[in-house]
Amino acid sequence: MIERQYDLFEIIPGGRPRWIGAAAGLEHARRRVKDLAYAAPGIDYFVVEFRSRTVVAVASRSRISGRPATEPRRALQAGSPSSS
């Protein structure tokens, strides 16, 4: 069985999403953004299912510090993901 593909994004200053990679399988994608969020407090990450473009997971340590996380759906609507 072929696993679904997921795109991984971080939210850069200004609230725009930036594509940071892809992962095969939801558990792998979740683990990657969770690890990234743990290593970089204050940066919000999210996972988007490739075909439907639906946000399926969010990872952020910023909620622990009391800073509200950027809403991934709002970030995706703010513009197309930048490539750099």
Protein backbone atom coordinates (compact mmCIF):
# COMPACT_ATOMS: atom_id res chain seq x y z
CA MET A 1 0.00 0.00 0.00
CA ILE A 2 1.31 3.43 -0.95
CA GLU A 3 1.32 5.97 1.87
CA ARG A 4 -0.17 9.42 1.40
CA GLN A 5 2.19 12.32 0.87
CA TYR A 6 2.26 15.30 3.21
CA ASP A 7 3.84 18.73 2.86
CA LEU A 8 5.56 20.28 5.88
CA PHE A 9 5.52 24.04 6.48
CA GLU A 10 6.88 26.51 8.97
CA ILE A 11 5.34 29.92 9.59
CA ILE A 12 7.89 32.64 8.94
CA PRO A 13 7.76 36.16 10.41
CA GLY A 14 4.80 38.02 9.00
CA GLY A 15 2.62 34.91 9.18
CA ARG A 16 3.48 33.45 5.79
CA PRO A 17 4.01 29.72 5.30
CA ARG A 18 7.28 28.36 3.96
CA TRP A 19 7.52 24.83 2.58
CA ILE A 20 10.27 22.91 4.36
CA GLY A 21 9.84 19.41 3.03
CA ALA A 22 7.62 16.43 2.47
CA ALA A 23 6.99 13.14 4.19
CA ALA A 24 5.38 9.83 3.31
CA GLY A 25 2.78 8.82 5.86
CA LEU A 26 0.97 10.88 8.47
CA GLU A 27 2.86 9.52 11.48
CA HIS A 28 6.20 10.32 9.87
CA ALA A 29 5.03 13.84 9.00
CA ARG A 30 3.73 14.45 12.53
CA ARG A 31 6.97 13.19 14.07
CA ARG A 32 9.07 15.46 11.84
CA VAL A 33 7.19 18.66 12.69
CA LYS A 34 7.07 17.72 16.37
CA ASP A 35 10.85 17.24 16.36
CA LEU A 36 11.33 20.54 14.53
CA ALA A 37 9.07 22.38 16.99
CA TYR A 38 10.97 20.92 19.92
CA ALA A 39 14.30 22.03 18.45
CA ALA A 40 13.11 25.56 17.56
CA PRO A 41 10.79 27.01 20.21
CA GLY A 42 8.68 29.90 18.98
CA ILE A 43 8.32 28.62 15.43
CA ASP A 44 5.02 27.09 14.35
CA TYR A 45 4.89 24.11 11.99
CA PHE A 46 2.05 22.35 10.24
CA VAL A 47 1.35 19.39 7.98
CA VAL A 48 -0.82 19.56 4.87
CA GLU A 49 -2.22 16.51 3.10
CA PHE A 50 -0.85 16.76 -0.45
CA ARG A 51 -3.96 16.11 -2.54
CA SER A 52 -6.68 17.78 -0.48
CA ARG A 53 -4.48 20.65 0.80
CA THR A 54 -6.03 20.10 4.23
CA VAL A 55 -4.12 20.95 7.40
CA VAL A 56 -3.95 17.67 9.33
CA ALA A 57 -1.46 18.43 12.12
CA VAL A 58 0.10 21.38 13.94
CA ALA A 59 3.23 21.42 16.11
CA SER A 60 4.34 24.36 18.20
CA ARG A 61 6.09 25.02 21.48
CA SER A 62 4.93 28.65 21.38
CA ARG A 63 1.66 27.77 23.09
CA ILE A 64 3.64 26.74 26.14
CA SER A 65 5.15 30.23 26.39
CA GLY A 66 1.73 31.87 26.13
CA ARG A 67 2.24 33.30 22.63
CA PRO A 68 -0.66 32.28 20.41
CA ALA A 69 0.33 30.07 17.51
CA THR A 70 -0.34 31.31 14.00
CA GLU A 71 -3.43 29.70 12.54
CA PRO A 72 -2.17 27.45 9.68
CA ARG A 73 -5.27 27.87 7.53
CA ARG A 74 -4.94 31.65 7.77
CA ALA A 75 -1.26 31.42 6.85
CA LEU A 76 -2.05 29.31 3.78
CA GLN A 77 -4.66 31.87 2.68
CA ALA A 78 -2.21 34.76 3.15
CA GLY A 79 -0.33 33.76 0.03
CA SER A 80 1.40 30.97 -1.70
CA PRO A 81 4.20 29.29 0.22
CA SER A 82 7.57 30.83 -0.49
CA SER A 83 10.29 28.60 -1.86
CA SER A 84 13.19 30.00 0.09
